[in-house]
Amino acid sequence: MTSEVIIDVQPKEISIALLEDKSLVEYQTEPRSVSYSVGNIYVGKVKKLMPGLNACFVDVGSERVAFLHYLDLGLQFSSYEKYLKQVVSDRKKLFPIQKATRLPDLPKEGSIQNTLKVGQEILVQVVKEPINTKGPRLTCELSFAGRYMVLIPFGDKVSVSSKIKRGEERSRLKQLVQSMKPKNFGVIVRTVAEGKRAAELDQELKVLLKRWEDAITRVQKTTERPQLVFEEQTRAVALLRDLFNPTYDAICVNDEAIFQQVKDYVTLIAPEKANIVKQYTGTVPIFDNFGVTKQIKSGFGKTVNFKRGAYLIIEHTEAMHVVDVNSGTRIKKENGQEANALETNLGAADELARQLRLRDMGGIIVVDFIDMNLAEDRQMLYERMCENMKKDRARHNILPLSKFGLMQITRQRVRPAMDVNVEETCPTCFGKGKIKSSILFTDQLESKIDRLVNEIGIRNFYLHVHPYVAAYINKGIFSLKRQWQMKYGMGVHVVSSQKLAFLQYEFYNKQREFIDMQEEVENN
């Protein structure tokens, strides 16, 4: 199986696609103006106590107040609380955590009103992004995740991933990390640390300790509250930290700065794979070049087609995701309805496992498969779904089919499910329902080019249009493109872009920066 990561960096957003055998299996996109909040650490202020829920609301500077349950305070909350007071009491000299006193564990049966008070400053970490009307979910058990291990301040244990099965390797890693870690720190050794040398583990431990020191130094130096004291790495690097696999064939980036960040990170964790990170410099949009755009258009939306006319209907309610499997226009097999239902359901299980990862769907998912009478067929479907979901990094649980033919799945929810709108708003009427004659579209483009060259003074630019329009502009020996180049200079470049609607266009300068040339008034 070939795996590729494609990173599309645009002025307003960054999108990351993971391809397995050229098939899109994971996709993330977010505005560049919004920081990646999961993993961020804040000094927050308790806003309101909720004794009935045994929880409180905390102001961390987000649009909605964040939620913190008593059980998420962690066993070491008392130690954290005392250490935070020691740190902020002296703004000049940092009190080292190694000298901090470990206090007794917080009782599990305690209450929030006896532990916190309104206005109190606490150190918290975001574990879930805001979803729908809910604010971020917080914890006071801080952690700093690396490639091989997770560092836990005020922990005291070294734990090894249960996926590392060999007893002698577990013992080696445990003893090795125990000898490295400073006092008042705990460590969780991750699965990918199996077989790694002491030098590699020690190097990462130093990096994680430096992140903790930087965070607590910021707590000491700043007086503004709430205050962000540790920010997760850039989205591209954060995703690679959890996703990265030495078997990757390529990581392609179309932005020089992000390319350098990714290259530095891969060089740090896997120097032998540094050469797979490549900067894409082609004129065709990077997602079009790797076939991602078409898969995004077909993979999202309410209806998702898969093998031989069968399709899924995916809907999202406040409580859960609901999926319906339909056989569509499939031709029935000669050996009956049961075989037809089984084949459709197995294909649906393959596509559904991909969709869960692609959309990052979380919470409860209920799937209505086509009814099957044979118990062995229902068991085969359940086993197929479990096998497909092994590739999913998110924690999940799958129940066998109920007597109503429903499969229930729970999947870890960390951030909102991806909701990519594949329907296109008409760029030429802006929703009014009336457009200028299509035959005049190229005249309209030429007027924009004339204004760009003769009024604004940009002579070297790229015009992105729909592939059909690009084909028309490039048609013939004496094409429209050639006419424009003779009239306005050889700096006129026409690029086919699959993401654009039929009569939509975009201009970019030589540095690939977007030039806004579209005005709604042109269609009045």
Protein backbone atom coordinates (compact mmCIF):
# COMPACT_ATOMS: atom_id res chain seq x y z
CA MET A 1 0.00 0.00 0.00
CA THR A 2 1.31 3.45 -0.93
CA SER A 3 0.65 6.39 1.41
CA GLU A 4 1.02 10.06 0.56
CA VAL A 5 0.33 13.26 2.52
CA ILE A 6 -0.66 16.28 0.43
CA ILE A 7 -0.64 19.71 2.10
CA ASP A 8 -2.39 22.58 0.31
CA VAL A 9 -1.51 25.97 1.82
CA GLN A 10 -3.76 28.85 0.74
CA PRO A 11 -3.75 32.48 1.98
CA LYS A 12 -6.86 31.91 4.13
CA GLU A 13 -6.70 28.19 4.99
CA ILE A 14 -4.54 25.11 5.12
CA SER A 15 -5.82 21.68 4.00
CA ILE A 16 -4.19 18.30 4.56
CA ALA A 17 -5.10 15.09 2.73
CA LEU A 18 -3.90 11.56 3.43
CA LEU A 19 -4.04 9.21 0.43
CA GLU A 20 -3.77 5.42 0.67
CA ASP A 21 -3.35 3.79 -2.74
CA LYS A 22 -4.45 7.14 -4.26
CA SER A 23 -7.74 6.95 -2.28
CA LEU A 24 -8.55 9.86 0.08
CA VAL A 25 -8.93 8.51 3.64
CA GLU A 26 -8.28 11.55 5.88
CA TYR A 27 -8.89 15.21 5.23
CA GLN A 28 -8.50 18.24 7.49
CA THR A 29 -8.94 21.90 6.69
CA GLU A 30 -8.97 24.96 8.90
CA PRO A 31 -8.58 28.75 8.58
CA ARG A 32 -5.00 29.92 9.01
CA SER A 33 -6.22 32.69 11.34
CA VAL A 34 -7.51 30.12 13.86
CA SER A 35 -5.00 28.38 16.09
CA TYR A 36 -5.25 24.66 16.61
CA SER A 37 -6.76 24.47 20.13
CA VAL A 38 -6.55 20.78 21.16
CA GLY A 39 -3.37 20.43 23.25
CA ASN A 40 -3.12 24.16 23.98
CA ILE A 41 -2.44 25.06 27.62
CA TYR A 42 -3.94 28.15 29.30
CA VAL A 43 -3.92 29.90 32.62
CA GLY A 44 -7.68 30.28 32.94
CA LYS A 45 -10.06 31.80 35.46
CA VAL A 46 -12.94 29.94 37.07
CA LYS A 47 -16.07 31.72 35.84
CA LYS A 48 -18.91 29.76 37.44
CA LEU A 49 -19.31 26.70 39.68
CA MET A 50 -21.97 24.12 38.83
CA PRO A 51 -22.42 21.94 41.98
CA GLY A 52 -25.25 19.94 40.38
CA LEU A 53 -22.90 18.78 37.60
CA ASN A 54 -19.87 18.70 39.94
CA ALA A 55 -18.15 20.86 37.33
CA CYS A 56 -17.30 24.46 36.52
CA PHE A 57 -17.00 26.84 33.58
CA VAL A 58 -13.56 28.32 32.92
CA ASP A 59 -12.67 31.42 30.88
CA VAL A 60 -9.73 30.59 28.57
CA GLY A 61 -10.33 33.46 26.15
CA SER A 62 -12.43 31.47 23.67
CA GLU A 63 -15.80 32.60 22.31
CA ARG A 64 -17.63 30.20 24.64
CA VAL A 65 -16.60 29.40 28.22
CA ALA A 66 -14.88 26.03 28.60
CA PHE A 67 -16.16 23.09 30.65
CA LEU A 68 -14.12 21.38 33.40
CA HIS A 69 -15.49 18.42 35.38
CA TYR A 70 -14.25 17.63 38.89
CA LEU A 71 -12.87 14.25 37.74
CA ASP A 72 -10.79 16.07 35.09
CA LEU A 73 -8.95 18.03 37.78
CA GLY A 74 -6.69 15.00 38.12
CA LEU A 75 -5.19 13.32 41.15
CA GLN A 76 -2.29 15.81 41.27
CA PHE A 77 -4.42 18.98 41.23
CA SER A 78 -3.35 20.00 44.75
CA SER A 79 0.33 19.80 43.72
CA TYR A 80 -0.36 21.86 40.58
CA GLU A 81 -2.27 24.46 42.57
CA LYS A 82 0.52 24.93 45.11
CA TYR A 83 3.22 25.01 42.40
CA LEU A 84 1.29 27.62 40.37
CA LYS A 85 1.20 29.91 43.44
CA GLN A 86 4.95 29.43 43.94
CA VAL A 87 5.65 30.29 40.28
CA VAL A 88 3.58 33.50 40.13
CA SER A 89 4.84 34.71 43.54
CA ASP A 90 8.31 35.41 42.11
CA ARG A 91 8.39 37.03 38.64
CA LYS A 92 12.21 37.05 38.47
CA LYS A 93 13.35 33.57 39.47
CA LEU A 94 11.50 30.44 38.33
CA PHE A 95 10.78 27.90 41.06
CA PRO A 96 11.97 24.54 39.62
CA ILE A 97 9.41 21.74 39.49
CA GLN A 98 12.00 19.25 40.77
CA LYS A 99 11.92 21.05 44.15
CA ALA A 100 8.11 21.20 44.26
CA THR A 101 6.36 19.27 47.02
CA ARG A 102 3.97 16.53 45.94
CA LEU A 103 0.76 16.79 47.95
CA PRO A 104 -1.72 13.94 48.61
CA ASP A 105 -3.94 12.89 45.70
CA LEU A 106 -7.26 14.64 45.22
CA PRO A 107 -10.10 12.41 46.51
CA LYS A 108 -12.24 10.95 43.72
CA GLU A 109 -15.44 11.50 45.71
CA GLY A 110 -14.77 15.22 46.32
CA SER A 111 -16.90 18.15 45.16
CA ILE A 112 -16.07 21.08 42.89
CA GLN A 113 -17.30 23.76 45.33
CA ASN A 114 -14.91 22.52 48.04
CA THR A 115 -11.95 22.50 45.63
CA LEU A 116 -12.32 25.66 43.50
CA LYS A 117 -13.74 29.13 43.94
CA VAL A 118 -14.93 31.72 41.41
CA GLY A 119 -12.06 33.88 40.12
CA GLN A 120 -9.37 31.30 40.93
CA GLU A 121 -6.53 30.89 38.44
CA ILE A 122 -5.89 27.33 37.22
CA LEU A 123 -3.63 25.69 34.65
CA VAL A 124 -5.73 23.80 32.07
CA GLN A 125 -5.31 21.99 28.75
CA VAL A 126 -7.88 21.69 25.94
CA VAL A 127 -8.84 18.06 25.18
CA LYS A 128 -11.86 18.71 22.93
CA GLU A 129 -12.59 21.61 20.60
CA PRO A 130 -15.95 23.43 20.75
CA ILE A 131 -18.62 21.23 19.13
CA ASN A 132 -22.02 22.69 18.14
CA THR A 133 -23.20 24.77 21.14
CA LYS A 134 -20.70 23.26 23.59
CA GLY A 135 -17.52 25.09 24.57
CA PRO A 136 -14.07 23.46 24.77
CA ARG A 137 -13.57 20.52 27.19
CA LEU A 138 -10.66 20.94 29.62
CA THR A 139 -8.42 18.88 31.87
CA CYS A 140 -5.93 19.84 34.56
CA GLU A 141 -3.84 16.73 33.88
CA LEU A 142 -1.34 18.38 31.54
CA SER A 143 0.60 16.39 28.97
CA PHE A 144 3.13 17.14 26.21
CA ALA A 145 2.92 14.65 23.34
CA GLY A 146 5.93 13.70 21.27
CA ARG A 147 6.57 11.07 18.65
CA TYR A 148 7.87 8.40 21.04
CA MET A 149 6.51 9.47 24.43
CA VAL A 150 4.11 11.70 26.33
CA LEU A 151 5.49 13.80 29.19
CA ILE A 152 3.23 14.30 32.25
CA PRO A 153 4.29 16.93 34.83
CA PHE A 154 3.68 15.83 38.46
CA GLY A 155 3.29 12.24 37.32
CA ASP A 156 5.40 9.57 39.00
CA LYS A 157 5.06 6.51 36.78
CA VAL A 158 6.55 5.28 33.52
CA SER A 159 3.89 3.44 31.51
CA VAL A 160 4.48 1.52 28.29
CA SER A 161 1.91 1.19 25.51
CA SER A 162 -0.05 -2.07 25.77
CA LYS A 163 0.46 -2.56 22.01
CA ILE A 164 4.12 -3.37 22.72
CA LYS A 165 3.74 -7.08 23.47
CA ARG A 166 7.28 -8.39 24.08
CA GLY A 167 8.04 -8.50 27.80
CA GLU A 168 11.81 -7.87 27.48
CA GLU A 169 11.19 -4.79 25.24
CA ARG A 170 8.65 -3.38 27.70
CA SER A 171 11.12 -3.82 30.56
CA ARG A 172 13.96 -2.25 28.54
CA LEU A 173 11.92 0.83 27.65
CA LYS A 174 10.60 1.23 31.18
CA GLN A 175 14.05 1.04 32.79
CA LEU A 176 15.57 3.29 30.12
CA VAL A 177 12.99 6.08 30.48
CA GLN A 178 12.97 5.73 34.29
CA SER A 179 16.70 6.47 34.34
CA MET A 180 16.28 9.51 32.04
CA LYS A 181 13.28 11.37 33.42
CA PRO A 182 13.72 14.09 36.06
CA LYS A 183 11.93 14.06 39.41
CA ASN A 184 8.20 14.96 39.46
CA PHE A 185 7.60 13.86 35.88
CA GLY A 186 5.75 10.85 34.51
CA VAL A 187 6.09 9.39 31.03
CA ILE A 188 3.90 7.29 28.75
CA VAL A 189 5.99 5.41 26.18
CA ARG A 190 4.16 5.23 22.83
CA THR A 191 4.00 2.23 20.49
CA VAL A 192 6.40 3.70 17.90
CA ALA A 193 9.18 3.79 20.55
CA GLU A 194 9.57 0.02 20.20
CA GLY A 195 13.17 -0.80 19.27
CA LYS A 196 14.37 2.83 19.51
CA ARG A 197 17.81 3.62 20.90
CA ALA A 198 18.44 5.49 24.15
CA ALA A 199 19.85 8.51 22.29
CA GLU A 200 16.64 8.97 20.26
CA LEU A 201 14.43 8.74 23.35
CA ASP A 202 16.68 11.06 25.35
CA GLN A 203 16.66 13.66 22.55
CA GLU A 204 12.85 13.74 22.45
CA LEU A 205 12.57 13.85 26.25
CA LYS A 206 14.76 16.99 26.25
CA VAL A 207 12.50 18.58 23.60
CA LEU A 208 9.38 17.86 25.69
CA LEU A 209 10.99 19.16 28.88
CA LYS A 210 11.91 22.37 27.03
CA ARG A 211 8.23 22.80 26.04
CA TRP A 212 7.19 22.47 29.68
CA GLU A 213 9.85 24.98 30.79
CA ASP A 214 8.77 27.47 28.11
CA ALA A 215 5.12 27.12 29.17
CA ILE A 216 5.72 27.57 32.89
CA THR A 217 8.13 30.48 32.22
CA ARG A 218 5.34 32.21 30.31
CA VAL A 219 3.02 31.64 33.29
CA GLN A 220 5.63 33.31 35.51
CA LYS A 221 6.33 36.29 33.25
CA THR A 222 2.81 37.30 32.19
CA THR A 223 0.13 38.84 34.37
CA GLU A 224 -2.71 38.91 31.84
CA ARG A 225 -5.43 36.31 32.50
CA PRO A 226 -6.68 34.23 30.75
CA GLN A 227 -3.42 33.59 28.94
CA LEU A 228 -2.28 31.05 26.34
CA VAL A 229 1.00 29.63 27.68
CA PHE A 230 1.61 26.72 25.30
CA GLU A 231 0.39 26.36 21.74
CA GLU A 232 0.36 23.11 19.81
CA GLN A 233 2.60 22.89 16.77
CA THR A 234 1.26 24.01 13.40
CA ARG A 235 -1.61 21.89 12.12
CA ALA A 236 0.54 20.25 9.49
CA VAL A 237 3.23 19.23 11.98
CA ALA A 238 0.72 18.21 14.68
CA LEU A 239 -1.09 15.90 12.25
CA LEU A 240 2.19 14.40 11.06
CA ARG A 241 3.28 13.72 14.65
CA ASP A 242 0.41 11.26 15.10
CA LEU A 243 0.05 10.16 11.49
CA PHE A 244 3.65 9.77 10.41
CA ASN A 245 4.60 6.32 9.25
CA PRO A 246 8.06 5.34 7.99
CA THR A 247 6.36 3.61 5.04
CA TYR A 248 5.13 6.94 3.62
CA ASP A 249 6.16 7.40 0.01
CA ALA A 250 5.80 11.19 -0.19
CA ILE A 251 4.82 14.31 1.69
CA CYS A 252 4.09 17.14 -0.77
CA VAL A 253 3.67 20.78 0.27
CA ASN A 254 2.98 23.79 -1.97
CA ASP A 255 4.24 26.45 0.47
CA GLU A 256 7.91 27.11 1.17
CA ALA A 257 7.54 28.04 4.88
CA ILE A 258 5.33 25.05 5.76
CA PHE A 259 7.58 22.81 3.63
CA GLN A 260 10.56 23.85 5.75
CA GLN A 261 8.66 23.21 9.02
CA VAL A 262 7.60 19.75 7.87
CA LYS A 263 11.08 18.97 6.53
CA ASP A 264 12.68 19.98 9.86
CA TYR A 265 10.22 17.85 11.81
CA VAL A 266 10.67 14.73 9.67
CA THR A 267 14.46 15.22 9.79
CA LEU A 268 14.21 15.30 13.60
CA ILE A 269 12.09 12.15 14.04
CA ALA A 270 13.18 10.08 11.02
CA PRO A 271 16.33 11.48 9.35
CA GLU A 272 16.43 8.63 6.84
CA LYS A 273 12.99 9.71 5.47
CA ALA A 274 13.77 13.43 5.11
CA ASN A 275 14.00 13.08 1.32
CA ILE A 276 10.30 12.12 0.98
CA VAL A 277 9.29 15.71 1.88
CA LYS A 278 8.97 17.59 -1.40
CA GLN A 279 7.93 21.11 -2.30
CA TYR A 280 5.33 21.21 -5.08
CA THR A 281 5.95 24.01 -7.58
CA GLY A 282 3.67 23.06 -10.48
CA THR A 283 1.18 25.50 -12.02
CA VAL A 284 -1.79 23.12 -11.64
CA PRO A 285 -3.30 23.37 -8.10
CA ILE A 286 -1.71 20.71 -5.89
CA PHE A 287 -5.01 18.97 -5.00
CA ASP A 288 -5.96 18.78 -8.69
CA ASN A 289 -2.57 17.31 -9.54
CA PHE A 290 -2.95 14.46 -7.03
CA GLY A 291 -6.64 13.82 -7.71
CA VAL A 292 -7.80 15.08 -4.30
CA THR A 293 -10.29 17.75 -5.44
CA LYS A 294 -12.53 15.29 -7.31
CA GLN A 295 -12.54 12.91 -4.32
CA ILE A 296 -13.51 15.73 -1.97
CA LYS A 297 -16.40 16.71 -4.27
CA SER A 298 -17.64 13.11 -4.43
CA GLY A 299 -16.79 12.02 -0.88
CA PHE A 300 -18.70 14.63 1.10
CA GLY A 301 -22.35 15.55 1.05
CA LYS A 302 -25.49 13.70 2.09
CA THR A 303 -25.26 10.98 -0.60
CA VAL A 304 -22.08 8.94 -1.13
CA ASN A 305 -21.93 6.47 -4.02
CA PHE A 306 -19.84 3.32 -3.92
CA LYS A 307 -19.77 0.03 -5.89
CA ARG A 308 -22.18 -0.64 -8.78
CA GLY A 309 -24.89 1.92 -8.04
CA ALA A 310 -25.17 1.33 -4.29
CA TYR A 311 -24.94 4.39 -2.04
CA LEU A 312 -24.92 5.66 1.55
CA ILE A 313 -27.15 8.39 2.98
CA ILE A 314 -25.31 10.15 5.84
CA GLU A 315 -27.15 12.58 8.12
CA HIS A 316 -26.07 14.33 11.31
CA THR A 317 -28.45 15.04 14.19
CA GLU A 318 -27.69 16.73 17.52
CA ALA A 319 -27.42 13.33 19.23
CA MET A 320 -25.80 11.10 16.63
CA HIS A 321 -24.84 10.37 13.02
CA VAL A 322 -27.28 8.20 11.08
CA VAL A 323 -26.26 6.18 8.01
CA ASP A 324 -28.63 4.34 5.66
CA VAL A 325 -27.35 1.73 3.17
CA ASN A 326 -29.18 1.50 -0.18
CA SER A 327 -28.62 -0.98 -3.00
CA GLY A 328 -29.72 1.59 -5.60
CA THR A 329 -29.73 0.36 -9.19
CA ARG A 330 -27.68 -2.79 -8.52
CA ILE A 331 -28.53 -5.82 -10.64
CA LYS A 332 -29.65 -8.69 -8.44
CA LYS A 333 -27.42 -11.74 -8.34
CA GLU A 334 -28.64 -14.99 -9.77
CA ASN A 335 -28.30 -16.76 -6.42
CA GLY A 336 -30.82 -14.49 -4.71
CA GLN A 337 -31.53 -11.48 -2.56
CA GLU A 338 -29.41 -12.70 0.37
CA ALA A 339 -26.18 -12.74 -1.68
CA ASN A 340 -27.04 -9.35 -3.16
CA ALA A 341 -27.64 -7.88 0.32
CA LEU A 342 -24.39 -9.34 1.67
CA GLU A 343 -22.28 -7.95 -1.19
CA THR A 344 -23.87 -4.51 -0.89
CA ASN A 345 -23.40 -4.46 2.89
CA LEU A 346 -19.74 -5.52 2.67
CA GLY A 347 -19.08 -2.73 0.15
CA ALA A 348 -20.92 -0.31 2.45
CA ALA A 349 -18.73 -1.39 5.40
CA ASP A 350 -15.58 -0.60 3.36
CA GLU A 351 -16.87 2.83 2.36
CA LEU A 352 -18.25 3.65 5.82
CA ALA A 353 -14.90 2.96 7.51
CA ARG A 354 -13.31 5.40 5.04
CA GLN A 355 -16.04 7.99 5.62
CA LEU A 356 -15.61 7.89 9.42
CA ARG A 357 -11.94 8.78 9.04
CA LEU A 358 -12.51 11.20 6.17
CA ARG A 359 -15.20 13.25 7.95
CA ASP A 360 -13.73 12.63 11.43
CA MET A 361 -17.21 11.62 12.59
CA GLY A 362 -17.43 11.07 16.35
CA GLY A 363 -19.90 10.22 19.09
CA ILE A 364 -22.62 7.68 18.28
CA ILE A 365 -23.04 6.39 14.71
CA VAL A 366 -26.05 4.19 13.88
CA VAL A 367 -25.95 2.30 10.57
CA ASP A 368 -29.03 0.75 8.95
CA PHE A 369 -27.68 -2.05 6.77
CA ILE A 370 -29.84 -4.04 4.33
CA ASP A 371 -31.59 -6.87 6.21
CA MET A 372 -29.88 -10.28 6.08
CA ASN A 373 -31.46 -13.53 7.24
CA LEU A 374 -28.37 -15.70 7.75
CA ALA A 375 -26.49 -15.38 11.05
CA GLU A 376 -23.15 -16.21 9.37
CA ASP A 377 -23.66 -13.31 6.92
CA ARG A 378 -24.34 -10.89 9.78
CA GLN A 379 -21.21 -12.15 11.58
CA MET A 380 -19.15 -11.74 8.39
CA LEU A 381 -20.33 -8.13 8.07
CA TYR A 382 -19.43 -7.40 11.71
CA GLU A 383 -15.95 -8.90 11.28
CA ARG A 384 -15.43 -6.93 8.02
CA MET A 385 -16.30 -3.68 9.81
CA CYS A 386 -13.95 -4.46 12.71
CA GLU A 387 -11.13 -5.28 10.27
CA ASN A 388 -11.68 -2.04 8.32
CA MET A 389 -11.64 0.05 11.49
CA LYS A 390 -8.22 -1.26 12.58
CA LYS A 391 -6.65 1.50 10.45
CA ASP A 392 -8.53 4.16 12.45
CA ARG A 393 -6.38 5.94 15.06
CA ALA A 394 -9.41 7.22 17.01
CA ARG A 395 -10.68 5.05 19.86
CA HIS A 396 -13.85 3.25 18.82
CA ASN A 397 -16.23 0.46 19.75
CA ILE A 398 -18.40 -1.58 17.36
CA LEU A 399 -21.42 -3.65 18.36
CA PRO A 400 -22.74 -6.60 16.30
CA LEU A 401 -25.93 -6.10 14.28
CA SER A 402 -29.09 -5.87 16.37
CA LYS A 403 -32.19 -7.87 15.52
CA PHE A 404 -33.43 -4.80 13.60
CA GLY A 405 -30.33 -4.89 11.36
CA LEU A 406 -28.73 -1.83 12.98
CA MET A 407 -25.03 -1.54 13.80
CA GLN A 408 -24.01 0.84 16.59
CA ILE A 409 -20.55 2.41 16.59
CA THR A 410 -19.01 4.84 19.05
CA ARG A 411 -15.95 6.79 17.94
CA GLN A 412 -13.78 9.22 19.87
CA ARG A 413 -14.81 12.81 19.20
CA VAL A 414 -12.05 15.41 19.60
CA ARG A 415 -13.14 18.10 17.16
CA PRO A 416 -16.27 18.79 15.08
CA ALA A 417 -16.96 16.41 12.20
CA MET A 418 -15.75 17.66 8.84
CA ASP A 419 -18.62 19.29 6.98
CA VAL A 420 -17.45 20.22 3.50
CA ASN A 421 -20.14 21.88 1.42
CA VAL A 422 -19.85 20.37 -2.06
CA GLU A 423 -22.67 22.46 -3.49
CA GLU A 424 -21.44 25.53 -5.36
CA THR A 425 -22.93 29.01 -5.11
CA CYS A 426 -23.21 30.50 -8.57
CA PRO A 427 -20.27 32.93 -8.88
CA THR A 428 -21.88 34.91 -11.69
CA CYS A 429 -25.31 35.68 -10.18
CA PHE A 430 -24.45 35.50 -6.44
CA GLY A 431 -27.70 33.65 -5.73
CA LYS A 432 -29.98 35.97 -7.71
CA GLY A 433 -30.79 33.36 -10.37
CA LYS A 434 -29.91 35.53 -13.38
CA ILE A 435 -26.58 35.77 -15.17
CA LYS A 436 -25.18 37.52 -18.20
CA SER A 437 -25.11 35.53 -21.41
CA SER A 438 -22.46 32.78 -21.12
CA ILE A 439 -21.12 33.63 -24.58
CA LEU A 440 -19.97 36.98 -23.13
CA PHE A 441 -17.96 35.31 -20.35
CA THR A 442 -14.66 35.43 -22.23
CA ASP A 443 -15.25 39.12 -23.02
CA GLN A 444 -15.71 39.68 -19.30
CA LEU A 445 -12.43 37.86 -18.59
CA GLU A 446 -10.61 39.99 -21.16
CA SER A 447 -11.89 43.18 -19.57
CA LYS A 448 -10.50 41.97 -16.23
CA ILE A 449 -7.15 41.18 -17.87
CA ASP A 450 -7.09 44.64 -19.50
CA ARG A 451 -7.74 46.30 -16.13
CA LEU A 452 -5.13 44.13 -14.42
CA VAL A 453 -2.41 44.94 -16.97
CA ASN A 454 -3.16 48.55 -17.93
CA GLU A 455 -4.66 50.00 -14.72
CA ILE A 456 -3.23 47.96 -11.84
CA GLY A 457 0.09 47.27 -13.59
CA ILE A 458 0.34 43.50 -12.99
CA ARG A 459 1.69 41.96 -16.21
CA ASN A 460 2.63 38.47 -14.98
CA PHE A 461 -0.35 36.56 -13.55
CA TYR A 462 -2.24 33.25 -13.53
CA LEU A 463 -5.92 33.03 -14.46
CA HIS A 464 -7.60 29.98 -12.85
CA VAL A 465 -10.79 28.79 -14.57
CA HIS A 466 -12.97 25.66 -14.78
CA PRO A 467 -11.35 22.87 -16.89
CA TYR A 468 -14.04 23.18 -19.61
CA VAL A 469 -13.46 26.92 -19.89
CA ALA A 470 -9.67 26.38 -19.91
CA ALA A 471 -10.06 23.91 -22.78
CA TYR A 472 -12.10 26.49 -24.75
CA ILE A 473 -9.56 29.28 -24.10
CA ASN A 474 -6.65 27.04 -25.19
CA LYS A 475 -8.45 25.61 -28.26
CA GLY A 476 -6.88 26.01 -31.68
CA ILE A 477 -3.59 27.26 -33.07
CA PHE A 478 -4.66 30.90 -32.76
CA SER A 479 -6.40 30.41 -29.41
CA LEU A 480 -7.93 33.05 -27.15
CA LYS A 481 -4.96 32.61 -24.81
CA ARG A 482 -2.55 33.33 -27.69
CA GLN A 483 -4.57 36.41 -28.67
CA TRP A 484 -4.46 37.70 -25.09
CA GLN A 485 -0.69 37.09 -24.90
CA MET A 486 -0.13 39.05 -28.12
CA LYS A 487 -2.27 41.90 -26.82
CA TYR A 488 -1.28 42.00 -23.13
CA GLY A 489 2.10 40.26 -23.03
CA MET A 490 3.45 36.76 -22.46
CA GLY A 491 2.78 37.06 -18.71
CA VAL A 492 -0.81 35.83 -19.25
CA HIS A 493 -1.10 32.21 -17.98
CA VAL A 494 -4.31 30.14 -17.97
CA VAL A 495 -4.61 27.34 -15.37
CA SER A 496 -7.29 24.63 -15.21
CA SER A 497 -8.72 24.31 -11.65
CA GLN A 498 -11.19 21.59 -10.68
CA LYS A 499 -12.36 23.36 -7.51
CA LEU A 500 -13.93 26.24 -9.45
CA ALA A 501 -17.55 26.37 -10.63
CA PHE A 502 -18.31 26.54 -14.37
CA LEU A 503 -18.22 30.35 -14.80
CA GLN A 504 -15.99 31.12 -11.84
CA TYR A 505 -12.50 32.57 -12.15
CA GLU A 506 -9.61 33.57 -9.89
CA PHE A 507 -6.50 35.66 -10.54
CA TYR A 508 -3.12 35.05 -8.85
CA ASN A 509 0.07 37.08 -9.18
CA LYS A 510 3.57 35.70 -9.85
CA GLN A 511 4.03 34.98 -6.10
CA ARG A 512 0.77 32.92 -6.18
CA GLU A 513 -1.06 35.53 -4.06
CA PHE A 514 -4.80 35.89 -4.72
CA ILE A 515 -5.96 39.03 -6.54
CA ASP A 516 -9.62 39.86 -5.95
CA MET A 517 -11.04 40.94 -9.33
CA GLN A 518 -14.63 39.78 -8.89
CA GLU A 519 -17.39 42.30 -8.19
CA GLU A 520 -21.03 41.54 -7.58
CA VAL A 521 -22.11 44.73 -9.35
CA GLU A 522 -20.93 43.30 -12.68
CA ASN A 523 -24.07 41.13 -12.81
CA ASN A 524 -26.64 43.76 -11.85
